[in-house]
Protein backbone atom coordinates (compact mmCIF):
# COMPACT_ATOMS: atom_id res chain seq x y z
CA MET A 1 -18.46 25.91 -14.87
CA GLY A 2 -19.01 29.65 -14.83
CA LEU A 3 -18.10 29.86 -11.14
CA SER A 4 -15.24 32.00 -9.74
CA GLU A 5 -13.19 30.95 -6.78
CA LEU A 6 -15.08 33.60 -4.63
CA ASP A 7 -18.34 32.07 -5.67
CA ILE A 8 -17.20 28.58 -4.69
CA LEU A 9 -16.01 29.83 -1.35
CA ALA A 10 -19.31 31.60 -0.77
CA ARG A 11 -21.21 28.36 -1.39
CA ILE A 12 -18.90 26.58 1.03
CA ARG A 13 -19.35 29.10 3.82
CA ALA A 14 -23.12 29.13 3.28
CA LEU A 15 -23.47 25.35 3.55
CA LEU A 16 -20.68 23.88 5.59
CA PRO A 17 -20.45 24.13 9.38
CA GLY A 18 -17.46 26.31 10.29
CA GLY A 19 -17.10 27.50 6.75
CA ALA A 20 -16.45 31.05 7.90
CA THR A 21 -12.93 29.96 9.01
CA LEU A 22 -12.03 29.88 5.32
CA THR A 23 -11.84 33.66 5.31
CA ASP A 24 -8.30 33.45 6.76
CA ASP A 25 -5.09 31.77 5.69
CA CYS A 26 -5.25 29.27 8.60
CA GLY A 27 -7.87 27.61 10.74
CA ALA A 28 -7.56 26.86 14.42
CA LEU A 29 -7.80 23.19 15.76
CA PRO A 30 -10.13 22.77 18.70
CA ALA A 31 -8.20 22.01 21.93
CA VAL A 32 -7.93 18.41 23.01
CA ASN A 33 -8.65 17.32 26.57
CA PRO A 34 -5.93 16.47 29.00
CA GLY A 35 -4.60 13.02 28.33
CA GLU A 36 -5.75 12.87 24.76
CA THR A 37 -3.61 12.44 21.66
CA LEU A 38 -4.21 14.58 18.56
CA LEU A 39 -4.60 12.36 15.53
CA VAL A 40 -4.81 13.31 11.76
CA THR A 41 -5.75 11.40 8.70
CA THR A 42 -6.12 12.34 4.98
CA ASP A 43 -7.61 10.98 1.86
CA VAL A 44 -7.73 12.01 -1.80
CA MET A 45 -10.49 10.79 -4.16
CA GLU A 46 -9.75 11.27 -7.82
CA GLU A 47 -12.31 11.11 -10.63
CA GLY A 48 -11.65 8.06 -12.81
CA THR A 49 -9.72 6.29 -9.97
CA HIS A 50 -12.02 6.48 -6.92
CA PHE A 51 -15.29 7.63 -8.47
CA ARG A 52 -17.15 8.14 -11.76
CA MET A 53 -19.51 11.02 -12.53
CA ASP A 54 -21.99 8.66 -14.17
CA TRP A 55 -21.92 6.27 -11.18
CA HIS A 56 -21.69 8.45 -8.11
CA PRO A 57 -24.46 10.93 -7.37
CA PRO A 58 -22.86 14.10 -6.05
CA ARG A 59 -24.82 14.21 -2.84
CA GLN A 60 -23.82 10.68 -1.88
CA LEU A 61 -20.20 11.47 -2.95
CA GLY A 62 -20.14 14.46 -0.57
CA ARG A 63 -21.16 12.11 2.28
CA LYS A 64 -18.66 9.50 1.24
CA VAL A 65 -15.57 11.77 1.15
CA LEU A 66 -16.33 12.64 4.77
CA ALA A 67 -17.28 9.13 5.91
CA VAL A 68 -14.04 7.57 4.71
CA ASN A 69 -11.94 10.03 6.69
CA LEU A 70 -14.04 9.80 9.84
CA SER A 71 -13.96 6.05 9.65
CA ASP A 72 -10.14 6.11 9.83
CA LEU A 73 -10.25 8.34 12.87
CA ASP A 74 -12.83 6.25 14.61
CA ALA A 75 -10.89 2.96 14.03
CA SER A 76 -7.97 4.67 15.80
CA GLY A 77 -10.20 5.41 18.78
CA ALA A 78 -10.55 9.08 18.13
CA ARG A 79 -13.48 11.42 18.42
CA PRO A 80 -13.57 13.83 15.40
CA LEU A 81 -12.70 17.51 15.92
CA GLY A 82 -13.01 18.94 12.31
CA VAL A 83 -11.88 18.63 8.77
CA THR A 84 -10.17 20.66 5.99
CA LEU A 85 -11.39 20.42 2.46
CA THR A 86 -9.56 20.79 -0.86
CA LEU A 87 -11.42 20.92 -4.16
CA ALA A 88 -9.67 20.60 -7.54
CA LEU A 89 -12.36 21.47 -10.18
CA PRO A 90 -12.37 21.65 -13.98
CA PRO A 91 -13.86 24.64 -15.76
CA GLU A 92 -16.80 22.69 -17.31
CA LEU A 93 -18.14 21.42 -14.07
CA ASP A 94 -21.90 21.96 -13.65
CA SER A 95 -22.67 24.28 -10.75
CA ALA A 96 -25.62 22.18 -9.84
CA TRP A 97 -23.26 19.18 -9.33
CA LEU A 98 -21.12 21.26 -6.95
CA GLN A 99 -24.11 22.47 -5.04
CA ALA A 100 -25.40 18.87 -4.51
CA PHE A 101 -21.93 17.63 -3.45
CA LEU A 102 -21.65 20.44 -0.88
CA GLU A 103 -25.16 19.68 0.43
CA GLY A 104 -24.32 16.03 0.94
CA LEU A 105 -21.07 16.92 2.66
CA ALA A 106 -22.88 19.51 4.94
CA GLU A 107 -25.42 16.79 5.79
CA GLY A 108 -22.65 14.43 6.99
CA LEU A 109 -20.90 17.13 8.97
CA ARG A 110 -24.15 18.21 10.74
CA GLU A 111 -24.69 14.49 11.68
CA SER A 112 -21.12 14.28 12.96
CA GLN A 113 -21.38 17.73 14.67
CA ILE A 114 -17.99 18.83 13.42
CA PRO A 115 -16.88 21.95 11.46
CA VAL A 116 -14.82 22.71 8.45
CA LEU A 117 -11.58 24.28 9.75
CA GLY A 118 -10.12 25.35 6.44
CA GLY A 119 -9.14 24.31 3.01
CA ASP A 120 -8.35 25.36 -0.47
CA THR A 121 -9.79 25.45 -4.04
CA VAL A 122 -7.85 25.12 -7.37
CA GLY A 123 -8.74 24.88 -10.93
CA ARG A 124 -7.45 22.13 -13.27
CA SER A 125 -7.78 21.34 -16.85
CA GLN A 126 -9.93 18.15 -16.43
CA GLY A 127 -11.30 15.75 -13.83
CA ILE A 128 -12.34 16.38 -10.21
CA GLY A 129 -10.06 15.90 -7.24
CA LEU A 130 -11.39 15.80 -3.67
CA GLY A 131 -9.06 16.07 -0.74
CA MET A 132 -9.91 15.92 2.95
CA THR A 133 -7.86 16.00 6.09
CA ALA A 134 -9.55 15.05 9.36
CA PHE A 135 -8.51 15.69 12.87
CA GLY A 136 -9.45 13.80 15.99
CA ALA A 137 -8.53 13.26 19.65
CA ALA A 138 -8.03 9.88 21.24
CA ARG A 139 -7.77 9.09 24.89
CA ARG A 140 -6.29 5.63 23.95
CA TRP A 141 -4.89 5.44 20.36
CA LEU A 142 -5.86 2.13 18.85
CA ARG A 143 -2.94 1.29 16.61
CA ARG A 144 -2.21 -1.68 14.23
CA ASP A 145 0.74 -3.05 16.03
CA GLY A 146 -0.77 -4.37 19.25
CA LEU A 147 -2.09 -7.83 18.26
CA GLN A 148 -1.22 -10.66 20.62
CA ILE A 149 -0.97 -14.33 19.82
CA GLY A 150 -4.35 -15.98 20.55
CA ASP A 151 -6.36 -12.84 19.76
CA ARG A 152 -9.47 -13.25 17.60
CA ILE A 153 -10.14 -10.87 14.75
CA PHE A 154 -13.66 -9.28 14.44
CA VAL A 155 -15.53 -6.89 12.23
CA ASP A 156 -18.64 -5.06 13.11
CA GLN A 157 -20.63 -5.21 9.85
CA PRO A 158 -21.06 -7.86 7.08
CA LEU A 159 -18.37 -7.83 4.31
CA GLY A 160 -18.52 -7.72 0.58
CA ALA A 161 -21.58 -5.47 0.00
CA SER A 162 -19.55 -2.62 -1.44
CA LEU A 163 -17.83 -5.00 -3.97
CA ARG A 164 -21.17 -6.34 -4.93
CA GLY A 165 -22.39 -2.81 -5.49
CA LEU A 166 -19.32 -2.04 -7.64
CA LYS A 167 -20.05 -5.12 -9.73
CA LYS A 168 -23.64 -3.96 -10.19
CA LEU A 169 -22.42 -0.48 -11.36
CA GLN A 170 -20.02 -2.22 -13.83
CA ALA A 171 -23.00 -4.28 -15.13
CA GLY A 172 -25.04 -1.06 -15.86
CA HIS A 173 -27.09 -0.63 -12.71
CA ARG A 174 -27.46 2.87 -11.38
CA TRP A 175 -28.51 4.56 -8.08
CA ASP A 176 -32.22 5.10 -7.82
CA GLY A 177 -33.13 7.03 -4.65
CA ALA A 178 -36.80 5.95 -5.05
CA ARG A 179 -35.78 2.27 -5.08
CA PRO A 180 -32.58 2.05 -3.05
CA ASP A 181 -30.36 -1.03 -3.45
CA ALA A 182 -28.36 -2.05 -0.37
CA ASP A 183 -25.27 -3.08 -2.24
CA LEU A 184 -25.19 0.14 -4.27
CA ALA A 185 -25.73 2.11 -1.14
CA ALA A 186 -22.78 0.35 0.55
CA HIS A 187 -20.49 1.39 -2.33
CA LEU A 188 -21.88 4.91 -3.11
CA ASP A 189 -22.90 6.05 0.45
CA PRO A 190 -21.16 3.93 3.16
CA ARG A 191 -22.33 4.30 6.69
CA PRO A 192 -19.46 3.18 8.94
CA ARG A 193 -20.54 2.68 12.65
CA LEU A 194 -18.87 5.84 13.87
CA GLY A 195 -18.30 5.97 17.63
CA LEU A 196 -17.67 2.25 17.96
CA GLY A 197 -13.88 2.78 17.69
CA VAL A 198 -13.97 5.03 20.79
CA ARG A 199 -15.91 2.32 22.68
CA LEU A 200 -13.38 -0.32 21.54
CA ALA A 201 -10.51 1.79 22.82
CA GLU A 202 -12.13 1.76 26.26
CA LEU A 203 -11.71 -2.09 26.38
CA PRO A 204 -8.11 -3.03 27.43
CA GLU A 205 -8.72 -6.45 25.94
CA VAL A 206 -8.97 -4.84 22.40
CA HIS A 207 -5.35 -4.76 21.30
CA ALA A 208 -5.38 -3.35 17.68
CA CYS A 209 -7.77 -1.93 15.18
CA LEU A 210 -7.97 -0.52 11.69
CA ASP A 211 -10.62 0.66 9.23
CA LEU A 212 -11.31 -2.06 6.66
CA SER A 213 -11.07 -0.20 3.40
CA ASP A 214 -8.79 -2.23 1.08
CA GLY A 215 -10.32 -5.62 1.87
CA LEU A 216 -9.38 -8.41 4.30
CA SER A 217 -6.58 -9.76 2.12
CA ARG A 218 -4.79 -6.42 2.29
CA ASP A 219 -5.86 -5.05 5.72
CA LEU A 220 -5.25 -8.32 7.65
CA ARG A 221 -1.78 -8.24 6.07
CA ASN A 222 -1.29 -4.70 7.41
CA LEU A 223 -2.35 -5.77 10.91
CA ALA A 224 -0.18 -8.86 10.85
CA GLN A 225 2.97 -7.13 9.56
CA ALA A 226 2.57 -4.22 12.00
CA SER A 227 2.18 -6.69 14.93
CA LYS A 228 4.80 -9.18 13.72
CA VAL A 229 2.39 -12.10 13.77
CA SER A 230 0.47 -14.21 11.27
CA ILE A 231 -3.35 -14.28 10.97
CA ARG A 232 -5.32 -17.32 9.97
CA VAL A 233 -8.63 -16.47 8.13
CA ASP A 234 -11.59 -18.74 7.38
CA ALA A 235 -12.09 -19.55 3.65
CA ARG A 236 -15.81 -19.87 4.27
CA LEU A 237 -16.10 -16.08 4.32
CA GLY A 238 -16.01 -16.26 0.51
CA ALA A 239 -14.26 -14.26 -2.16
CA ASP A 240 -16.34 -11.01 -1.84
CA ALA A 241 -15.43 -10.75 1.86
CA LEU A 242 -11.84 -11.68 1.39
CA TYR A 243 -10.93 -9.43 -1.55
CA GLY A 244 -13.63 -6.73 -1.60
CA GLY A 245 -12.77 -3.24 -0.37
CA GLU A 246 -14.51 -0.19 0.88
CA ASP A 247 -16.54 -1.94 3.59
CA TYR A 248 -15.47 0.59 6.17
CA THR A 249 -15.92 -1.52 9.26
CA ARG A 250 -13.86 -1.65 12.38
CA CYS A 251 -11.48 -4.62 12.12
CA PHE A 252 -9.95 -5.36 15.43
CA GLY A 253 -8.19 -7.97 17.52
CA SER A 254 -9.18 -8.92 21.06
CA SER A 255 -8.48 -11.57 23.69
CA LEU A 256 -12.18 -11.54 24.48
CA ASP A 257 -14.46 -14.12 22.80
CA LYS A 258 -17.29 -13.15 20.53
CA GLN A 259 -20.02 -13.60 23.01
CA SER A 260 -18.32 -11.41 25.63
CA LEU A 261 -17.68 -8.75 23.16
CA GLU A 262 -21.22 -8.73 21.84
CA SER A 263 -22.55 -8.47 25.37
CA ARG A 264 -20.32 -5.52 26.20
CA LEU A 265 -20.89 -3.69 22.93
CA GLY A 266 -24.52 -4.56 22.39
CA LEU A 267 -24.22 -5.40 18.72
CA PRO A 268 -23.48 -8.48 16.58
CA LEU A 269 -19.94 -9.13 15.37
CA LEU A 270 -18.42 -11.37 12.73
CA GLU A 271 -15.31 -13.30 13.69
CA VAL A 272 -12.90 -13.50 10.65
CA GLY A 273 -9.61 -14.75 11.93
CA GLU A 274 -7.25 -15.84 14.65
CA VAL A 275 -3.70 -14.51 15.47
CA LEU A 276 -0.85 -16.97 15.40
CA GLU A 277 2.92 -16.91 15.81
CA ILE A 278 4.55 -15.42 12.76
CA GLY A 279 4.91 -17.94 9.95
CA ALA A 280 5.79 -18.06 6.32
CA SER A 281 3.01 -15.73 5.27
CA PRO A 282 1.29 -12.81 7.14
CA VAL A 283 -2.20 -14.11 6.30
CA LEU A 284 -3.12 -17.78 5.97
CA LEU A 285 -6.29 -19.14 4.49
CA TYR A 286 -7.87 -22.09 6.37
CA ASP A 287 -10.22 -24.26 4.37
CA GLY A 288 -11.10 -26.71 7.18
CA SER A 289 -8.25 -29.13 6.67
CA SER A 290 -5.23 -27.17 5.53
CA VAL A 291 -3.79 -23.69 5.47
CA ARG A 292 -2.12 -21.81 2.52
CA PRO A 293 -0.95 -18.23 2.09
CA LEU A 294 -3.78 -15.88 1.22
CA ASP A 295 -2.89 -13.79 -1.87
CA ASP A 296 -3.30 -10.02 -1.76
CA LEU A 297 -5.88 -9.37 -4.47
CA SER A 298 -7.20 -6.08 -3.09
CA HIS A 299 -7.35 -2.70 -4.88
CA GLU A 300 -3.92 -1.61 -6.10
CA HIS A 301 -3.43 2.17 -5.76
CA PHE A 302 -0.38 2.12 -8.07
CA PRO A 303 -1.10 -0.52 -10.73
CA VAL A 304 1.77 -1.58 -12.96
């Protein structure tokens, strides 16, 4: 790579908002307002597991590592306060790759108007590791355990595009900025509707929410088990929507109907399920005439 730790830190300070805080051992969290709860989330993205150098352009990857963290905060009803960044880099890394990655990250930070509060860099023998911790403040913390029987489950964006993008990458397609592909963009450079979670938290009829990252078959299970209910999902959604991950939509339960929610929020929603009393399975697939347990075929973080 030909870069020292001091050189890497200098690039970070030059590009990232709040990068000057990296001159000390600790960074200070911005104060939260009275009545707010301080929330924190963290994600690690490992080369070979979460991204590939020949698939993911560095600029888009810089945006993505930020987006996936801010999406978690937003789904909890939190406004972002700042992030910390950890880079684990191999010696052969091209300095141009690092520069493009930091430029993409800086672009996302400027759009979100949040600073880098601190972080760390470390060398390793091979592969890239990207770690980020994001902090936010919520006036009402939207948790996973608040679903009520009779609630409807909604998402704010179409499902399955990221999985279709992954399949295209596996088939040999690559990102072309001059001719962008919507499915590839959904996988490589996701754009969650940040700010919607805060608005959802303002509606008392919205009872639970999470960030849809592992796919409906896993994330509906998480909601159902946390709330001690079962969720019936419509089979007509299709396999890509049911099993695909990394859509990064808000997935939430509400006692309001679709029309009322769309009127209040001013955007279209997709209804994906209904909350039932707890049954034999957390998630049930309804095909129009019968129900059966929905298998969890989402991404496995610890494959056997």
